[in-house]
Structures are given as structure tokens and as C-alpha cells.
Protein backbone atom coordinates (compact mmCIF):
# COMPACT_ATOMS: atom_id res chain seq x y z
CA MET A 1 17.63 -1.73 -37.76
CA SER A 2 20.90 -0.25 -36.43
CA ALA A 3 20.63 2.76 -38.76
CA ALA A 4 17.09 3.52 -37.53
CA ARG A 5 18.22 3.20 -33.93
CA ASP A 6 21.17 5.51 -34.52
CA LEU A 7 18.89 8.03 -36.25
CA VAL A 8 16.42 8.10 -33.31
CA LEU A 9 19.17 8.34 -30.67
CA GLY A 10 20.89 11.06 -32.68
CA ARG A 11 17.69 13.11 -32.72
CA VAL A 12 17.24 12.65 -28.97
CA ARG A 13 20.83 13.77 -28.29
CA ASN A 14 20.37 16.76 -30.57
CA ALA A 15 17.13 17.76 -28.81
CA LEU A 16 18.78 17.50 -25.38
CA ARG A 17 21.96 19.37 -26.33
CA ASP A 18 20.79 22.73 -24.94
CA ALA A 19 18.81 21.33 -21.98
CA PRO A 20 19.77 22.77 -18.59
CA VAL A 21 21.53 20.48 -16.13
CA ALA A 22 19.19 19.37 -13.37
CA PRO A 23 20.30 20.44 -9.89
CA PRO A 24 20.96 17.72 -7.32
CA VAL A 25 17.86 16.48 -5.49
CA PRO A 26 17.90 17.46 -1.79
CA ARG A 27 17.73 14.40 0.42
CA ASP A 28 17.88 16.00 3.88
CA TYR A 29 14.20 16.98 4.12
CA ARG A 30 13.34 13.82 6.08
CA PRO A 31 16.39 12.80 8.05
CA ALA A 32 16.46 9.40 9.68
CA GLY A 33 16.75 9.14 13.42
CA ARG A 34 13.82 11.24 14.58
CA PRO A 35 11.98 9.85 17.63
CA ALA A 36 9.06 7.54 16.87
CA SER A 37 5.61 8.14 18.29
CA LEU A 38 3.57 5.11 19.31
CA GLU A 39 0.45 7.29 19.40
CA THR A 40 1.01 8.35 15.79
CA LEU A 41 1.40 4.70 14.77
CA ILE A 42 -1.80 3.75 16.59
CA ASP A 43 -3.71 6.66 14.99
CA ARG A 44 -2.57 5.61 11.51
CA LEU A 45 -3.37 1.94 12.09
CA VAL A 46 -6.85 2.75 13.37
CA ASP A 47 -7.37 5.09 10.41
CA TYR A 48 -6.55 2.13 8.15
CA LYS A 49 -9.19 0.05 9.98
CA ALA A 50 -6.75 -2.11 11.90
CA VAL A 51 -7.54 -3.00 15.51
CA VAL A 52 -4.79 -2.21 18.02
CA HIS A 53 -4.54 -4.10 21.32
CA ARG A 54 -2.11 -2.74 23.91
CA ILE A 55 -1.23 -5.83 25.92
CA ARG A 56 1.54 -7.53 27.86
CA GLU A 57 3.55 -10.32 26.27
CA GLU A 58 1.97 -12.97 28.49
CA GLU A 59 -1.49 -11.97 27.18
CA ILE A 60 -0.82 -12.72 23.50
CA ALA A 61 -2.26 -16.26 23.36
CA ALA A 62 -5.34 -15.36 25.42
CA THR A 63 -6.03 -12.25 23.32
CA VAL A 64 -5.88 -14.25 20.09
CA SER A 65 -8.05 -17.03 21.52
CA GLY A 66 -10.57 -14.48 22.74
CA ILE A 67 -11.05 -13.11 19.22
CA VAL A 68 -10.77 -16.22 17.03
CA SER A 69 -12.06 -19.60 18.13
CA GLY A 70 -10.92 -21.54 15.05
CA THR A 71 -7.56 -22.60 13.69
CA VAL A 72 -4.69 -20.17 14.19
CA LEU A 73 -1.69 -20.66 11.94
CA VAL A 74 1.78 -19.76 13.26
CA PRO A 75 5.23 -19.63 11.66
CA PRO A 76 7.79 -22.16 12.94
CA GLY A 77 9.94 -19.56 14.75
CA LEU A 78 7.13 -17.92 16.73
CA PRO A 79 7.78 -18.21 20.49
CA HIS A 80 5.77 -21.07 22.01
CA GLU A 81 4.44 -18.91 24.85
CA TRP A 82 2.74 -16.64 22.26
CA ARG A 83 0.83 -19.47 20.59
CA PRO A 84 -2.80 -20.15 21.45
CA ALA A 85 -3.72 -23.73 22.34
CA GLY A 86 -4.03 -25.93 19.27
CA ALA A 87 -2.14 -23.54 16.97
CA LEU A 88 -1.19 -25.04 13.59
CA GLN A 89 2.49 -24.58 12.77
CA ASP A 90 3.44 -23.93 9.15
CA ASP A 91 6.12 -26.42 8.23
CA GLY A 92 5.54 -26.06 4.49
CA LEU A 93 1.79 -26.60 4.63
CA ALA A 94 -0.09 -26.83 1.35
CA GLN A 95 -1.97 -23.78 0.11
CA ASP A 96 -5.39 -25.26 0.88
CA ARG A 97 -4.41 -25.95 4.52
CA ILE A 98 -3.19 -22.35 4.90
CA ALA A 99 -6.34 -20.96 3.28
CA GLY A 100 -8.44 -23.10 5.63
CA ALA A 101 -6.97 -21.45 8.74
CA ASP A 102 -9.16 -18.85 10.44
CA ALA A 103 -6.23 -16.62 11.40
CA VAL A 104 -2.46 -16.27 11.39
CA LEU A 105 -0.27 -14.98 14.22
CA THR A 106 3.15 -13.53 13.40
CA ALA A 107 5.79 -11.18 14.72
CA ALA A 108 7.06 -8.18 12.71
CA ALA A 109 10.41 -6.76 11.63
CA VAL A 110 9.67 -3.04 11.99
CA ALA A 111 6.78 -0.55 11.95
CA VAL A 112 6.67 3.01 10.58
CA ALA A 113 4.73 5.44 12.80
CA GLU A 114 4.37 8.17 10.17
CA THR A 115 2.69 5.89 7.63
CA GLY A 116 1.10 3.27 9.90
CA THR A 117 2.99 0.55 8.06
CA ILE A 118 4.19 -2.78 9.45
CA VAL A 119 6.97 -4.61 7.64
CA LEU A 120 7.46 -8.37 7.63
CA ASP A 121 10.77 -9.77 6.36
CA GLY A 122 10.15 -13.51 6.31
CA SER A 123 12.15 -14.19 9.49
CA PRO A 124 11.32 -17.46 11.31
CA ASP A 125 8.88 -15.66 13.65
CA GLN A 126 7.08 -14.13 10.64
CA GLY A 127 7.13 -17.07 8.26
CA ARG A 128 6.46 -17.37 4.56
CA ARG A 129 4.57 -14.56 2.85
CA ILE A 130 1.71 -16.88 1.86
CA ILE A 131 0.69 -17.54 5.47
CA THR A 132 -0.10 -13.84 5.99
CA LEU A 133 -2.09 -13.51 2.77
CA LEU A 134 -4.59 -16.38 2.81
CA PRO A 135 -6.20 -16.47 6.29
CA ASP A 136 -8.97 -13.93 6.89
CA VAL A 137 -7.44 -12.50 10.09
CA HIS A 138 -3.82 -11.49 10.72
CA PHE A 139 -2.59 -10.96 14.28
CA CYS A 140 0.77 -9.20 14.31
CA VAL A 141 2.85 -8.81 17.48
CA LEU A 142 4.83 -5.59 17.66
CA ARG A 143 7.29 -4.42 20.29
CA PRO A 144 7.63 -0.66 20.99
CA GLU A 145 11.35 -0.71 20.14
CA GLN A 146 10.47 -1.92 16.63
CA VAL A 147 8.57 1.30 15.88
CA VAL A 148 10.49 3.95 13.92
CA ALA A 149 9.44 7.44 12.87
CA ALA A 150 9.69 7.31 9.08
CA VAL A 151 10.36 5.09 6.08
CA PRO A 152 14.11 5.94 5.90
CA ASP A 153 14.47 4.65 9.46
CA ALA A 154 12.69 1.41 8.54
CA VAL A 155 14.75 0.88 5.40
CA GLY A 156 17.90 1.31 7.48
CA ARG A 157 16.83 -1.60 9.71
CA LEU A 158 15.82 -3.98 6.92
CA GLU A 159 17.86 -6.47 4.94
CA PRO A 160 17.00 -5.66 1.28
CA ARG A 161 17.61 -9.24 0.10
CA ARG A 162 14.83 -10.60 2.32
CA PRO A 163 11.22 -10.93 1.06
CA LEU A 164 9.67 -7.74 2.44
CA THR A 165 5.92 -7.34 2.91
CA TRP A 166 4.73 -3.80 3.75
CA ILE A 167 1.31 -3.80 5.43
CA SER A 168 -0.82 -0.69 5.94
CA GLY A 169 -4.06 -2.01 7.41
CA PRO A 170 -6.24 -4.87 6.19
CA SER A 171 -6.11 -5.71 2.51
CA ALA A 172 -8.37 -3.32 0.62
CA THR A 173 -9.09 -2.13 -2.90
CA SER A 174 -11.66 0.10 -4.58
CA ASP A 175 -13.52 -0.26 -7.85
CA ILE A 176 -14.05 2.53 -10.37
CA GLU A 177 -16.98 3.86 -8.33
CA LEU A 178 -14.72 3.98 -5.23
CA ASN A 179 -16.58 1.22 -3.44
CA ARG A 180 -14.09 -0.16 -0.92
CA VAL A 181 -13.73 -3.95 -0.79
CA GLU A 182 -11.61 -5.60 1.88
CA GLY A 183 -9.89 -8.97 1.75
CA VAL A 184 -9.24 -9.17 -1.98
CA HIS A 185 -5.43 -9.42 -1.79
CA GLY A 186 -4.99 -10.56 1.80
CA PRO A 187 -6.65 -10.62 5.22
CA ARG A 188 -9.84 -8.61 5.78
CA HIS A 189 -8.92 -8.05 9.43
CA LEU A 190 -5.63 -6.87 10.94
CA HIS A 191 -5.11 -6.98 14.71
CA VAL A 192 -1.89 -5.39 15.95
CA LEU A 193 -0.82 -6.69 19.35
CA LEU A 194 1.32 -3.81 20.62
CA LEU A 195 3.27 -5.01 23.62
CA ALA A 196 3.65 -2.87 26.71
CA ALA A 197 7.05 -1.22 27.06
């Protein structure tokens, strides 16, 4: 086995002997630090079929209650003033209890305006990944200062060892005939509660 391996690797080295050296890849084409545009983020989210609500912080609970009348699941670290009346807190709930909730309400870690992507990192106000995947509706609270221009800016704000979930609109997939189906891998409805600056 070692002789065959050495033979194959020897042939590869021989074939690559005269190959030109690849030049360094430029990395300055999208520098971090550009200003973020809330309007660009909103346009991208709407394009992805998310619903954006521009509200004040004190309107969060009423907005959620006005859209969903059933059980709203919340992570343990979500501020109490954001929670609608009767919210069910996830303290390690079983999968069937999570799936039985009508909606989930979380915060976010960061959002990327250019791609319309919201990132969750499993912080106490965002909770376990499972709570944002099983309910049919996801409400996500986003502050303007959490919005960055591009992916490099978002990556710079994130802790890579945390469980990151990148969300670009409601869960959707297409079959071979390009028929779009929503809700296969997560919520069918995404409501972004963008707080007033």
C-alpha cells in the first residue's frame, strides 16, 4: 500500500513541477468598516420574504401579540419587558413542547445589510438553536447598532466558538422543478422587529 501511495504522490509532484506559482489573492476588495445602510438591510429582508416592523422597544410585546395569538416561546435571557403575556420560557424544554409553540421571540447578535442576513450566536437572549428552528414563526429583535455593512464586519463581531446560525429570510428550499417550499428546515415566517434608533 505504501509503494502505491508513493507512486501516485510521485506522479502528482512530477506533474506539478513546472506549474506556475499562484499569485497572492487580493483581500482588500471588500474592506471592513464601511457604513451600514438600514434601508439596504430592509430591502434585502423584504426580498427574502421576511416582514420588517420598525417599532420602539416598548412595542415589542404588543407587536408580537398582535400577530400571533398562541404560545410564544422565549429564551431565558430575553428581557422581560419584551415578552408577550403568557410567553413560554425555554429552560431545556423537550422537542415536542418547542415544536408545539406557535412562535419564538429572540434577539440577534448582528445583521448584515448587504446580504440581508441575521446572525444568532446562542447568547442567553437568543437561546438554543432548536427553539428558532421548530416553531412556524420567528420574531427577531434587532437594534440599528447591530447592523453592519458586509460579512467581514459581521465576522469581526462574532465569537467563532459560539453556535452561529445565519438567517436570510424564512426557511425555504426548491425542488428540481424550482417550486419554492417554505418551512422545510425552519420557520415559514420571519418577522424582524427593527427598533427605532
